[in-house]
Amino acid sequence: MKRLDVAIIGAGFIARTHVPAWIALGARVRVFSIDGQAARLAEEFGITEASTLEEALQWATVVDICTPSVTHRDIALAAFAAGAEVLCEKPLALAPADALAMTHAAEKAGRHLYPGHVVRFFPAYVRLRDAINSGALGRIAVARFTRTGRYPTWSPWFADPALSGGIVTDQMLHDMDIARWLFGEVVTIHATQRGHLAAPAPVAAGSATLTHASGVISQVLGVWGPPATPFRYTFHVAGSNGTLTHDSLAHPSLRLIGKTGAEADGVPTGDFGEDPFAAEIREFAAAFQGGPAPRVSALDGVAAVQIAAAARQSVATGLAVAVEDTSSPKLMEGSYR
């Protein structure tokens, strides 16, 4: 079994959520960051600070990229050149060509690349997928996903669309990936974006309507609000046998309504299960060590970047935009581990 020597690149919010999960798995962890925060993170968790990126990469068997989105491609390519496996926070990149370059580099190096699409590990979404796959909801027609939270002012790069892709790419990508995971490939997308989209950018909102090849229509709504805005995520999925709804701030948080309009049994309420970041990293770590493939692949990461890119094009033009089919021969070169 391959030893887990993990170099975390970046020392911000996401790195802070990953470190405890790696430690719990018995990994040796080093952290490197150019913003001066690595020393504080290393002291807090009792891990080692690397003095240079090169030192961190050459030491590691796994590189965990937790840096601004625009930097992901170059760090991942350097990690593969050093012989490491890679976990990369979402999105893999801002441009589809860069995401594809990362997957090709992983394939050439014989290494794994997994995108950090952590919402696939949230218990409520796992139960939603189980309900859909079991046929409990019947034939799905429409779905709506929302995600709301405070504007991420803790890092200034979020306010620069050239670095983050804006709310459509950085925040709404979570639910666009979930929609594809549940309902299949996205054929077209029509998106809008509003708010103060440049620094200091206290608020932003976006919406996107996705048409899936399966015939399902899904809608994704995202909000970055003022500092007091509570973190909240919801979904409402309607099928021929009923609807399943979730509100992270409600109690009970998950409700199944049957065809008669009465609340039905069969789907447990409450978010039972471990921390999603811990579940995600445990699944990735097992795959890095030769275990089964996790529930999210590099190809899923590429598809999410393509959907987000099409959404940004739709925002710019005001038109619905076709999304490139991720099963096309050009994209399916190699296995995208």
C-alpha atoms as a PDB file:
ATOM      1  CA  MET A   1       0.000   0.000   0.000  1.00  0.00           C
ATOM      2  CA  LYS A   2       1.342   3.398  -1.011  1.00  0.00           C
ATOM      3  CA  ARG A   3       2.323   5.633   1.885  1.00  0.00           C
ATOM      4  CA  LEU A   4       0.352   8.868   2.224  1.00  0.00           C
ATOM      5  CA  ASP A   5       2.879  11.708   2.229  1.00  0.00           C
ATOM      6  CA  VAL A   6       0.606  14.654   1.481  1.00  0.00           C
ATOM      7  CA  ALA A   7       1.754  18.094   0.390  1.00  0.00           C
ATOM      8  CA  ILE A   8      -1.034  20.621   0.809  1.00  0.00           C
ATOM      9  CA  ILE A   9      -0.463  23.621  -1.429  1.00  0.00           C
ATOM     10  CA  GLY A  10      -2.244  26.650  -0.023  1.00  0.00           C
ATOM     11  CA  ALA A  11      -3.128  27.497   3.566  1.00  0.00           C
ATOM     12  CA  GLY A  12      -6.542  29.115   3.369  1.00  0.00           C
ATOM     13  CA  PHE A  13     -10.067  27.994   4.256  1.00  0.00           C
ATOM     14  CA  ILE A  14     -10.143  24.857   2.128  1.00  0.00           C
ATOM     15  CA  ALA A  15      -6.699  23.718   3.272  1.00  0.00           C
ATOM     16  CA  ARG A  16      -7.924  24.064   6.835  1.00  0.00           C
ATOM     17  CA  THR A  17     -10.807  21.676   6.132  1.00  0.00           C
ATOM     18  CA  HIS A  18      -8.528  19.118   4.462  1.00  0.00           C
ATOM     19  CA  VAL A  19      -5.737  18.895   7.031  1.00  0.00           C
ATOM     20  CA  PRO A  20      -7.745  17.140   9.808  1.00  0.00           C
ATOM     21  CA  ALA A  21      -9.046  14.562   7.332  1.00  0.00           C
ATOM     22  CA  TRP A  22      -5.547  13.637   6.168  1.00  0.00           C
ATOM     23  CA  ILE A  23      -4.257  13.475   9.747  1.00  0.00           C
ATOM     24  CA  ALA A  24      -7.152  11.183  10.702  1.00  0.00           C
ATOM     25  CA  LEU A  25      -6.041   8.792   7.953  1.00  0.00           C
ATOM     26  CA  GLY A  26      -2.508   8.651   9.351  1.00  0.00           C
ATOM     27  CA  ALA A  27      -0.942  10.698   6.561  1.00  0.00           C
ATOM     28  CA  ARG A  28       2.250  12.674   6.994  1.00  0.00           C
ATOM     29  CA  VAL A  29       1.393  16.224   5.963  1.00  0.00           C
ATOM     30  CA  ARG A  30       3.408  19.206   4.825  1.00  0.00           C
ATOM     31  CA  VAL A  31       2.011  22.560   3.790  1.00  0.00           C
ATOM     32  CA  PHE A  32       3.348  25.211   1.442  1.00  0.00           C
ATOM     33  CA  SER A  33       1.847  28.609   0.667  1.00  0.00           C
ATOM     34  CA  ILE A  34       3.149  31.854  -0.780  1.00  0.00           C
ATOM     35  CA  ASP A  35       0.851  34.056   1.347  1.00  0.00           C
ATOM     36  CA  GLY A  36       2.663  33.612   4.657  1.00  0.00           C
ATOM     37  CA  GLN A  37      -0.136  31.527   6.216  1.00  0.00           C
ATOM     38  CA  ALA A  38       1.551  28.121   6.064  1.00  0.00           C
ATOM     39  CA  ALA A  39       3.519  28.589   9.280  1.00  0.00           C
ATOM     40  CA  ARG A  40       0.362  29.336  11.238  1.00  0.00           C
ATOM     41  CA  LEU A  41      -1.435  26.302   9.798  1.00  0.00           C
ATOM     42  CA  ALA A  42       1.557  24.068  10.460  1.00  0.00           C
ATOM     43  CA  GLU A  43       1.761  25.201  14.085  1.00  0.00           C
ATOM     44  CA  GLU A  44      -1.967  24.801  14.662  1.00  0.00           C
ATOM     45  CA  PHE A  45      -2.120  21.200  13.418  1.00  0.00           C
ATOM     46  CA  GLY A  46       1.391  20.030  14.286  1.00  0.00           C
ATOM     47  CA  ILE A  47       2.441  19.483  10.683  1.00  0.00           C
ATOM     48  CA  THR A  48       5.532  20.571   8.762  1.00  0.00           C
ATOM     49  CA  GLU A  49       5.917  23.681   6.638  1.00  0.00           C
ATOM     50  CA  ALA A  50       7.754  23.241   3.337  1.00  0.00           C
ATOM     51  CA  SER A  51      10.076  26.086   2.406  1.00  0.00           C
ATOM     52  CA  THR A  52       9.486  25.895  -1.362  1.00  0.00           C
ATOM     53  CA  LEU A  53       6.938  24.448  -3.761  1.00  0.00           C
ATOM     54  CA  GLU A  54       9.618  22.234  -5.283  1.00  0.00           C
ATOM     55  CA  GLU A  55      10.504  20.801  -1.889  1.00  0.00           C
ATOM     56  CA  ALA A  56       6.862  20.028  -1.169  1.00  0.00           C
ATOM     57  CA  LEU A  57       6.275  18.337  -4.525  1.00  0.00           C
ATOM     58  CA  GLN A  58       9.434  16.219  -4.528  1.00  0.00           C
ATOM     59  CA  TRP A  59       8.638  14.897  -1.037  1.00  0.00           C
ATOM     60  CA  ALA A  60       4.979  14.054  -1.639  1.00  0.00           C
ATOM     61  CA  THR A  61       3.180  10.964  -2.886  1.00  0.00           C
ATOM     62  CA  VAL A  62      -0.057  13.019  -2.950  1.00  0.00           C
ATOM     63  CA  VAL A  63      -0.440  16.713  -3.721  1.00  0.00           C
ATOM     64  CA  ASP A  64      -3.596  18.438  -2.444  1.00  0.00           C
ATOM     65  CA  ILE A  65      -4.099  21.709  -4.357  1.00  0.00           C
ATOM     66  CA  CYS A  66      -5.964  24.311  -2.282  1.00  0.00           C
ATOM     67  CA  THR A  67      -4.937  27.494  -4.107  1.00  0.00           C
ATOM     68  CA  PRO A  68      -6.848  30.046  -6.251  1.00  0.00           C
ATOM     69  CA  SER A  69      -8.476  28.430  -9.270  1.00  0.00           C
ATOM     70  CA  VAL A  70      -6.312  30.159 -11.856  1.00  0.00           C
ATOM     71  CA  THR A  71      -3.181  28.470 -10.392  1.00  0.00           C
ATOM     72  CA  HIS A  72      -4.454  24.876 -10.434  1.00  0.00           C
ATOM     73  CA  ARG A  73      -3.192  23.859 -13.862  1.00  0.00           C
ATOM     74  CA  ASP A  74       0.465  24.750 -13.371  1.00  0.00           C
ATOM     75  CA  ILE A  75       0.672  23.222  -9.894  1.00  0.00           C
ATOM     76  CA  ALA A  76      -0.994  20.010 -11.072  1.00  0.00           C
ATOM     77  CA  LEU A  77       1.361  19.672 -14.045  1.00  0.00           C
ATOM     78  CA  ALA A  78       4.350  20.155 -11.727  1.00  0.00           C
ATOM     79  CA  ALA A  79       2.947  17.549  -9.322  1.00  0.00           C
ATOM     80  CA  PHE A  80       2.532  14.963 -12.082  1.00  0.00           C
ATOM     81  CA  ALA A  81       6.057  15.701 -13.311  1.00  0.00           C
ATOM     82  CA  ALA A  82       7.234  14.949  -9.764  1.00  0.00           C
ATOM     83  CA  GLY A  83       5.372  11.627  -9.773  1.00  0.00           C
ATOM     84  CA  ALA A  84       2.604  12.532  -7.328  1.00  0.00           C
ATOM     85  CA  GLU A  85      -1.122  11.791  -7.275  1.00  0.00           C
ATOM     86  CA  VAL A  86      -3.346  14.889  -7.207  1.00  0.00           C
ATOM     87  CA  LEU A  87      -6.456  16.041  -5.391  1.00  0.00           C
ATOM     88  CA  CYS A  88      -7.413  19.440  -6.785  1.00  0.00           C
ATOM     89  CA  GLU A  89     -10.057  21.662  -5.283  1.00  0.00           C
ATOM     90  CA  LYS A  90     -12.862  22.590  -7.643  1.00  0.00           C
ATOM     91  CA  PRO A  91     -12.894  23.831 -10.275  1.00  0.00           C
ATOM     92  CA  LEU A  92     -10.042  21.941 -11.903  1.00  0.00           C
ATOM     93  CA  ALA A  93      -9.423  25.107 -13.931  1.00  0.00           C
ATOM     94  CA  LEU A  94     -11.280  28.080 -15.355  1.00  0.00           C
ATOM     95  CA  ALA A  95     -10.770  27.104 -19.007  1.00  0.00           C
ATOM     96  CA  PRO A  96     -11.803  23.694 -20.384  1.00  0.00           C
ATOM     97  CA  ALA A  97      -8.511  23.461 -22.296  1.00  0.00           C
ATOM     98  CA  ASP A  98      -6.574  23.744 -19.033  1.00  0.00           C
ATOM     99  CA  ALA A  99      -8.738  21.102 -17.337  1.00  0.00           C
ATOM    100  CA  LEU A 100      -8.119  18.784 -20.291  1.00  0.00           C
ATOM    101  CA  ALA A 101      -4.383  19.476 -20.128  1.00  0.00           C
ATOM    102  CA  MET A 102      -4.434  18.373 -16.482  1.00  0.00           C
ATOM    103  CA  THR A 103      -6.220  15.116 -17.288  1.00  0.00           C
ATOM    104  CA  HIS A 104      -3.859  14.331 -20.158  1.00  0.00           C
ATOM    105  CA  ALA A 105      -0.870  15.005 -17.895  1.00  0.00           C
ATOM    106  CA  ALA A 106      -2.273  12.639 -15.275  1.00  0.00           C
ATOM    107  CA  GLU A 107      -2.796   9.952 -17.900  1.00  0.00           C
ATOM    108  CA  LYS A 108       0.708  10.371 -19.308  1.00  0.00           C
ATOM    109  CA  ALA A 109       2.245  10.194 -15.830  1.00  0.00           C
ATOM    110  CA  GLY A 110       0.141   7.175 -14.842  1.00  0.00           C
ATOM    111  CA  ARG A 111      -1.289   9.074 -11.875  1.00  0.00           C
ATOM    112  CA  HIS A 112      -4.747   9.887 -10.569  1.00  0.00           C
ATOM    113  CA  LEU A 113      -6.446  13.287 -10.678  1.00  0.00           C
ATOM    114  CA  TYR A 114      -9.567  13.864  -8.592  1.00  0.00           C
ATOM    115  CA  PRO A 115     -11.508  17.130  -8.331  1.00  0.00           C
ATOM    116  CA  GLY A 116     -12.764  18.211  -4.899  1.00  0.00           C
ATOM    117  CA  HIS A 117     -16.492  18.143  -5.657  1.00  0.00           C
ATOM    118  CA  VAL A 118     -17.353  17.722  -1.995  1.00  0.00           C
ATOM    119  CA  VAL A 119     -21.121  18.245  -2.356  1.00  0.00           C
ATOM    120  CA  ARG A 120     -21.343  14.728  -3.807  1.00  0.00           C
ATOM    121  CA  PHE A 121     -20.396  13.606  -0.277  1.00  0.00           C
ATOM    122  CA  PHE A 122     -23.065  15.605   1.578  1.00  0.00           C
ATOM    123  CA  PRO A 123     -25.493  13.034   3.047  1.00  0.00           C
ATOM    124  CA  ALA A 124     -28.645  14.793   1.794  1.00  0.00           C
ATOM    125  CA  TYR A 125     -27.450  14.678  -1.832  1.00  0.00           C
ATOM    126  CA  VAL A 126     -26.387  11.044  -1.466  1.00  0.00           C
ATOM    127  CA  ARG A 127     -29.902  10.166  -0.251  1.00  0.00           C
ATOM    128  CA  LEU A 128     -31.403  12.200  -3.103  1.00  0.00           C
ATOM    129  CA  ARG A 129     -29.378  10.195  -5.632  1.00  0.00           C
ATOM    130  CA  ASP A 130     -30.396   6.942  -3.961  1.00  0.00           C
ATOM    131  CA  ALA A 131     -34.057   7.970  -4.167  1.00  0.00           C
ATOM    132  CA  ILE A 132     -33.727   8.829  -7.862  1.00  0.00           C
ATOM    133  CA  ASN A 133     -31.812   5.672  -8.756  1.00  0.00           C
ATOM    134  CA  SER A 134     -34.231   3.451  -6.828  1.00  0.00           C
ATOM    135  CA  GLY A 135     -37.188   4.869  -8.751  1.00  0.00           C
ATOM    136  CA  ALA A 136     -38.837   6.199  -5.579  1.00  0.00           C
ATOM    137  CA  LEU A 137     -39.552   9.532  -7.285  1.00  0.00           C
ATOM    138  CA  GLY A 138     -40.546   8.009 -10.606  1.00  0.00           C
ATOM    139  CA  ARG A 139     -39.648   9.846 -13.795  1.00  0.00           C
ATOM    140  CA  ILE A 140     -37.914  13.119 -12.919  1.00  0.00           C
ATOM    141  CA  ALA A 141     -39.181  16.258 -14.650  1.00  0.00           C
ATOM    142  CA  VAL A 142     -37.679  19.309 -12.934  1.00  0.00           C
ATOM    143  CA  ALA A 143     -35.241  20.110 -10.153  1.00  0.00           C
ATOM    144  CA  ARG A 144     -34.145  23.256  -8.349  1.00  0.00           C
ATOM    145  CA  PHE A 145     -30.951  23.751  -6.338  1.00  0.00           C
ATOM    146  CA  THR A 146     -29.997  26.818  -4.296  1.00  0.00           C
ATOM    147  CA  ARG A 147     -26.828  27.753  -2.397  1.00  0.00           C
ATOM    148  CA  THR A 148     -26.469  30.895  -0.298  1.00  0.00           C
ATOM    149  CA  GLY A 149     -23.683  32.245   1.894  1.00  0.00           C
ATOM    150  CA  ARG A 150     -21.651  35.299   2.739  1.00  0.00           C
ATOM    151  CA  TYR A 151     -19.449  36.821   0.068  1.00  0.00           C
ATOM    152  CA  PRO A 152     -15.988  35.209   0.488  1.00  0.00           C
ATOM    153  CA  THR A 153     -14.185  38.407   1.437  1.00  0.00           C
ATOM    154  CA  TRP A 154     -11.531  36.443   3.376  1.00  0.00           C
ATOM    155  CA  SER A 155      -9.571  36.142   0.111  1.00  0.00           C
ATOM    156  CA  PRO A 156      -9.545  39.040  -2.372  1.00  0.00           C
ATOM    157  CA  TRP A 157      -9.131  36.823  -5.454  1.00  0.00           C
ATOM    158  CA  PHE A 158     -12.795  35.747  -5.310  1.00  0.00           C
ATOM    159  CA  ALA A 159     -13.796  39.294  -6.334  1.00  0.00           C
ATOM    160  CA  ASP A 160     -11.779  39.081  -9.557  1.00  0.00           C
ATOM    161  CA  PRO A 161     -13.619  37.018 -12.206  1.00  0.00           C
ATOM    162  CA  ALA A 162     -10.327  36.519 -14.053  1.00  0.00           C
ATOM    163  CA  LEU A 163      -9.041  34.600 -11.016  1.00  0.00           C
ATOM    164  CA  SER A 164     -12.215  32.918  -9.706  1.00  0.00           C
ATOM    165  CA  GLY A 165     -14.670  32.883 -12.610  1.00  0.00           C
ATOM    166  CA  GLY A 166     -17.152  34.721 -10.385  1.00  0.00           C
ATOM    167  CA  ILE A 167     -20.076  33.174  -8.554  1.00  0.00           C
ATOM    168  CA  VAL A 168     -21.161  31.120 -11.588  1.00  0.00           C
ATOM    169  CA  THR A 169     -17.886  29.177 -11.617  1.00  0.00           C
ATOM    170  CA  ASP A 170     -16.755  29.237  -8.017  1.00  0.00           C
ATOM    171  CA  GLN A 171     -20.014  28.672  -6.135  1.00  0.00           C
ATOM    172  CA  MET A 172     -22.710  27.535  -8.580  1.00  0.00           C
ATOM    173  CA  LEU A 173     -20.405  24.903 -10.086  1.00  0.00           C
ATOM    174  CA  HIS A 174     -21.169  22.749  -7.018  1.00  0.00           C
ATOM    175  CA  ASP A 175     -24.836  22.407  -7.940  1.00  0.00           C
ATOM    176  CA  MET A 176     -24.247  22.260 -11.687  1.00  0.00           C
ATOM    177  CA  ASP A 177     -22.051  19.226 -10.996  1.00  0.00           C
ATOM    178  CA  ILE A 178     -24.750  17.724  -8.775  1.00  0.00           C
ATOM    179  CA  ALA A 179     -27.363  18.242 -11.501  1.00  0.00           C
ATOM    180  CA  ARG A 180     -25.166  16.426 -14.028  1.00  0.00           C
ATOM    181  CA  TRP A 181     -24.426  13.649 -11.482  1.00  0.00           C
ATOM    182  CA  LEU A 182     -28.147  13.095 -10.960  1.00  0.00           C
ATOM    183  CA  PHE A 183     -29.664  13.710 -14.389  1.00  0.00           C
ATOM    184  CA  GLY A 184     -26.905  13.168 -16.936  1.00  0.00           C
ATOM    185  CA  GLU A 185     -25.126  15.301 -19.501  1.00  0.00           C
ATOM    186  CA  VAL A 186     -26.091  18.941 -19.936  1.00  0.00           C
ATOM    187  CA  VAL A 187     -27.084  19.902 -23.490  1.00  0.00           C
ATOM    188  CA  THR A 188     -27.668  23.639 -23.110  1.00  0.00           C
ATOM    189  CA  ILE A 189     -27.430  26.253 -20.378  1.00  0.00           C
ATOM    190  CA  HIS A 190     -28.872  29.730 -19.998  1.00  0.00           C
ATOM    191  CA  ALA A 191     -27.359  31.791 -17.183  1.00  0.00           C
ATOM    192  CA  THR A 192     -27.512  35.263 -15.665  1.00  0.00           C
ATOM    193  CA  GLN A 193     -25.321  37.018 -13.114  1.00  0.00           C
ATOM    194  CA  ARG A 194     -25.904  40.188 -11.136  1.00  0.00           C
ATOM    195  CA  GLY A 195     -24.272  42.193  -8.375  1.00  0.00           C
ATOM    196  CA  HIS A 196     -21.011  43.959  -7.668  1.00  0.00           C
ATOM    197  CA  LEU A 197     -18.667  41.646  -9.490  1.00  0.00           C
ATOM    198  CA  ALA A 198     -15.394  43.489  -8.866  1.00  0.00           C
ATOM    199  CA  ALA A 199     -13.606  44.360  -5.636  1.00  0.00           C
ATOM    200  CA  PRO A 200     -14.820  44.969  -2.966  1.00  0.00           C
ATOM    201  CA  ALA A 201     -17.903  43.076  -4.266  1.00  0.00           C
ATOM    202  CA  PRO A 202     -20.107  42.676  -1.168  1.00  0.00           C
ATOM    203  CA  VAL A 203     -22.940  40.858  -3.014  1.00  0.00           C
ATOM    204  CA  ALA A 204     -23.437  38.735  -6.124  1.00  0.00           C
ATOM    205  CA  ALA A 205     -26.136  36.413  -7.420  1.00  0.00           C
ATOM    206  CA  GLY A 206     -26.488  34.074 -10.351  1.00  0.00           C
ATOM    207  CA  SER A 207     -28.987  31.702 -11.895  1.00  0.00           C
ATOM    208  CA  ALA A 208     -28.723  29.011 -14.544  1.00  0.00           C
ATOM    209  CA  THR A 209     -31.243  26.790 -16.300  1.00  0.00           C
ATOM    210  CA  LEU A 210     -29.789  23.497 -17.503  1.00  0.00           C
ATOM    211  CA  THR A 211     -31.393  21.249 -20.118  1.00  0.00           C
ATOM    212  CA  HIS A 212     -30.189  17.660 -19.792  1.00  0.00           C
ATOM    213  CA  ALA A 213     -30.004  15.058 -22.553  1.00  0.00           C
ATOM    214  CA  SER A 214     -32.371  12.964 -20.413  1.00  0.00           C
ATOM    215  CA  GLY A 215     -35.072  15.630 -20.804  1.00  0.00           C
ATOM    216  CA  VAL A 216     -34.833  16.855 -17.211  1.00  0.00           C
ATOM    217  CA  ILE A 217     -34.748  20.609 -16.640  1.00  0.00           C
ATOM    218  CA  SER A 218     -32.739  21.788 -13.639  1.00  0.00           C
ATOM    219  CA  GLN A 219     -32.292  25.260 -12.191  1.00  0.00           C
ATOM    220  CA  VAL A 220     -29.353  26.422 -10.094  1.00  0.00           C
ATOM    221  CA  LEU A 221     -29.471  29.598  -8.003  1.00  0.00           C
ATOM    222  CA  GLY A 222     -26.484  31.042  -6.123  1.00  0.00           C
ATOM    223  CA  VAL A 223     -26.087  33.995  -3.774  1.00  0.00           C
ATOM    224  CA  TRP A 224     -23.064  35.590  -2.131  1.00  0.00           C
ATOM    225  CA  GLY A 225     -24.534  37.998   0.385  1.00  0.00           C
ATOM    226  CA  PRO A 226     -23.500  40.420   3.161  1.00  0.00           C
ATOM    227  CA  PRO A 227     -21.395  39.173   6.102  1.00  0.00           C
ATOM    228  CA  ALA A 228     -24.428  38.166   8.208  1.00  0.00           C
ATOM    229  CA  THR A 229     -25.847  35.891   5.473  1.00  0.00           C
ATOM    230  CA  PRO A 230     -26.246  32.335   6.866  1.00  0.00           C
ATOM    231  CA  PHE A 231     -24.915  29.407   4.875  1.00  0.00           C
ATOM    232  CA  ARG A 232     -27.877  27.537   3.385  1.00  0.00           C
ATOM    233  CA  TYR A 233     -28.438  25.016   0.624  1.00  0.00           C
ATOM    234  CA  THR A 234     -31.714  23.559  -0.638  1.00  0.00           C
ATOM    235  CA  PHE A 235     -33.108  21.314  -3.342  1.00  0.00           C
ATOM    236  CA  HIS A 236     -36.570  20.482  -4.684  1.00  0.00           C
ATOM    237  CA  VAL A 237     -36.819  17.564  -7.112  1.00  0.00           C
ATOM    238  CA  ALA A 238     -40.164  16.634  -8.685  1.00  0.00           C
ATOM    239  CA  GLY A 239     -40.956  13.326 -10.347  1.00  0.00           C
ATOM    240  CA  SER A 240     -44.008  11.348 -11.421  1.00  0.00           C
ATOM    241  CA  ASN A 241     -44.230   9.636  -8.003  1.00  0.00           C
ATOM    242  CA  GLY A 242     -43.695  12.701  -5.826  1.00  0.00           C
ATOM    243  CA  THR A 243     -41.175  15.303  -4.720  1.00  0.00           C
ATOM    244  CA  LEU A 244     -38.156  15.305  -2.449  1.00  0.00           C
ATOM    245  CA  THR A 245     -37.146  18.566  -0.774  1.00  0.00           C
ATOM    246  CA  HIS A 246     -34.274  19.569   1.454  1.00  0.00           C
ATOM    247  CA  ASP A 247     -33.449  22.746   3.354  1.00  0.00           C
ATOM    248  CA  SER A 248     -30.258  22.715   5.394  1.00  0.00           C
ATOM    249  CA  LEU A 249     -31.714  25.242   7.861  1.00  0.00           C
ATOM    250  CA  ALA A 250     -35.074  23.513   8.299  1.00  0.00           C
ATOM    251  CA  HIS A 251     -36.132  20.793  10.714  1.00  0.00           C
ATOM    252  CA  PRO A 252     -36.759  18.188   9.527  1.00  0.00           C
ATOM    253  CA  SER A 253     -34.374  19.015   6.731  1.00  0.00           C
ATOM    254  CA  LEU A 254     -35.487  16.337   4.246  1.00  0.00           C
ATOM    255  CA  ARG A 255     -39.111  15.659   3.214  1.00  0.00           C
ATOM    256  CA  LEU A 256     -40.616  13.216   0.712  1.00  0.00           C
ATOM    257  CA  ILE A 257     -44.088  14.121  -0.592  1.00  0.00           C
ATOM    258  CA  GLY A 258     -45.990  11.421  -2.491  1.00  0.00           C
ATOM    259  CA  LYS A 259     -48.352  11.731  -5.450  1.00  0.00           C
ATOM    260  CA  THR A 260     -51.321  12.356  -3.155  1.00  0.00           C
ATOM    261  CA  GLY A 261     -49.621  15.353  -1.556  1.00  0.00           C
ATOM    262  CA  ALA A 262     -49.147  13.575   1.778  1.00  0.00           C
ATOM    263  CA  GLU A 263     -45.750  13.137   3.387  1.00  0.00           C
ATOM    264  CA  ALA A 264     -44.386   9.690   2.522  1.00  0.00           C
ATOM    265  CA  ASP A 265     -42.048   7.261   4.245  1.00  0.00           C
ATOM    266  CA  GLY A 266     -38.903   5.706   2.867  1.00  0.00           C
ATOM    267  CA  VAL A 267     -36.349   8.530   3.006  1.00  0.00           C
ATOM    268  CA  PRO A 268     -34.804   9.229   6.441  1.00  0.00           C
ATOM    269  CA  THR A 269     -34.657  12.803   7.661  1.00  0.00           C
ATOM    270  CA  GLY A 270     -31.603  14.513   9.103  1.00  0.00           C
ATOM    271  CA  ASP A 271     -28.044  14.679   7.828  1.00  0.00           C
ATOM    272  CA  PHE A 272     -26.653  11.473   9.278  1.00  0.00           C
ATOM    273  CA  GLY A 273     -23.067  10.690   8.442  1.00  0.00           C
ATOM    274  CA  GLU A 274     -19.549  11.957   8.788  1.00  0.00           C
ATOM    275  CA  ASP A 275     -18.118  15.291   7.734  1.00  0.00           C
ATOM    276  CA  PRO A 276     -18.269  15.480   3.906  1.00  0.00           C
ATOM    277  CA  PHE A 277     -14.630  16.593   3.583  1.00  0.00           C
ATOM    278  CA  ALA A 278     -13.513  13.601   5.668  1.00  0.00           C
ATOM    279  CA  ALA A 279     -15.651  11.244   3.553  1.00  0.00           C
ATOM    280  CA  GLU A 280     -14.298  12.748   0.327  1.00  0.00           C
ATOM    281  CA  ILE A 281     -10.644  12.520   1.318  1.00  0.00           C
ATOM    282  CA  ARG A 282     -11.020   9.004   2.709  1.00  0.00           C
ATOM    283  CA  GLU A 283     -12.482   7.856  -0.629  1.00  0.00           C
ATOM    284  CA  PHE A 284      -9.745   9.612  -2.616  1.00  0.00           C
ATOM    285  CA  ALA A 285      -7.013   8.253  -0.336  1.00  0.00           C
ATOM    286  CA  ALA A 286      -8.273   4.684  -0.837  1.00  0.00           C
ATOM    287  CA  ALA A 287      -8.120   5.164  -4.619  1.00  0.00           C
ATOM    288  CA  PHE A 288      -4.623   6.655  -4.412  1.00  0.00           C
ATOM    289  CA  GLN A 289      -3.568   3.515  -2.537  1.00  0.00           C
ATOM    290  CA  GLY A 290      -4.963   1.128  -5.151  1.00  0.00           C
ATOM    291  CA  GLY A 291      -8.564   0.859  -3.978  1.00  0.00           C
ATOM    292  CA  PRO A 292     -11.803   1.381  -5.918  1.00  0.00           C
ATOM    293  CA  ALA A 293     -12.420   4.489  -7.997  1.00  0.00           C
ATOM    294  CA  PRO A 294     -14.203   7.261  -6.078  1.00  0.00           C
ATOM    295  CA  ARG A 295     -17.601   8.679  -6.985  1.00  0.00           C
ATOM    296  CA  VAL A 296     -16.069  11.659  -8.821  1.00  0.00           C
ATOM    297  CA  SER A 297     -13.514  11.428 -11.623  1.00  0.00           C
ATOM    298  CA  ALA A 298     -11.259  13.765 -13.552  1.00  0.00           C
ATOM    299  CA  LEU A 299     -13.746  13.571 -16.429  1.00  0.00           C
ATOM    300  CA  ASP A 300     -16.440  14.851 -14.059  1.00  0.00           C
ATOM    301  CA  GLY A 301     -14.149  17.739 -13.231  1.00  0.00           C
ATOM    302  CA  VAL A 302     -13.649  18.529 -16.924  1.00  0.00           C
ATOM    303  CA  ALA A 303     -17.405  18.393 -17.527  1.00  0.00           C
ATOM    304  CA  ALA A 304     -18.056  20.826 -14.672  1.00  0.00           C
ATOM    305  CA  VAL A 305     -15.520  23.282 -16.086  1.00  0.00           C
ATOM    306  CA  GLN A 306     -17.174  23.020 -19.514  1.00  0.00           C
ATOM    307  CA  ILE A 307     -20.622  23.682 -18.050  1.00  0.00           C
ATOM    308  CA  ALA A 308     -19.315  26.666 -16.075  1.00  0.00           C
ATOM    309  CA  ALA A 309     -17.546  28.060 -19.152  1.00  0.00           C
ATOM    310  CA  ALA A 310     -20.761  27.765 -21.150  1.00  0.00           C
ATOM    311  CA  ALA A 311     -22.614  29.505 -18.302  1.00  0.00           C
ATOM    312  CA  ARG A 312     -20.169  32.428 -18.362  1.00  0.00           C
ATOM    313  CA  GLN A 313     -20.607  32.678 -22.133  1.00  0.00           C
ATOM    314  CA  SER A 314     -24.365  32.744 -21.638  1.00  0.00           C
ATOM    315  CA  VAL A 315     -24.017  35.507 -19.033  1.00  0.00           C
ATOM    316  CA  ALA A 316     -21.945  37.542 -21.494  1.00  0.00           C
ATOM    317  CA  THR A 317     -24.259  37.061 -24.482  1.00  0.00           C
ATOM    318  CA  GLY A 318     -27.676  36.714 -22.881  1.00  0.00           C
ATOM    319  CA  LEU A 319     -28.245  33.586 -24.982  1.00  0.00           C
ATOM    320  CA  ALA A 320     -28.568  29.889 -24.253  1.00  0.00           C
ATOM    321  CA  VAL A 321     -25.270  28.129 -24.981  1.00  0.00           C
ATOM    322  CA  ALA A 322     -24.631  24.540 -26.043  1.00  0.00           C
ATOM    323  CA  VAL A 323     -22.392  22.496 -23.737  1.00  0.00           C
ATOM    324  CA  GLU A 324     -19.814  20.233 -25.369  1.00  0.00           C
ATOM    325  CA  ASP A 325     -20.548  16.542 -24.876  1.00  0.00           C
ATOM    326  CA  THR A 326     -17.956  15.124 -22.471  1.00  0.00           C
ATOM    327  CA  SER A 327     -18.372  11.676 -24.029  1.00  0.00           C
ATOM    328  CA  SER A 328     -17.018  12.910 -27.374  1.00  0.00           C
ATOM    329  CA  PRO A 329     -13.947  11.068 -28.734  1.00  0.00           C
ATOM    330  CA  LYS A 330     -11.756  14.149 -28.271  1.00  0.00           C
ATOM    331  CA  LEU A 331     -12.471  14.212 -24.548  1.00  0.00           C
ATOM    332  CA  MET A 332     -12.408  10.470 -24.017  1.00  0.00           C
ATOM    333  CA  GLU A 333      -8.778   9.993 -25.067  1.00  0.00           C
ATOM    334  CA  GLY A 334      -7.258   8.061 -22.191  1.00  0.00           C
ATOM    335  CA  SER A 335      -9.053   6.791 -19.103  1.00  0.00           C
ATOM    336  CA  TYR A 336      -9.212  10.021 -17.055  1.00  0.00           C
ATOM    337  CA  ARG A 337      -8.589   7.922 -13.976  1.00  0.00           C
END
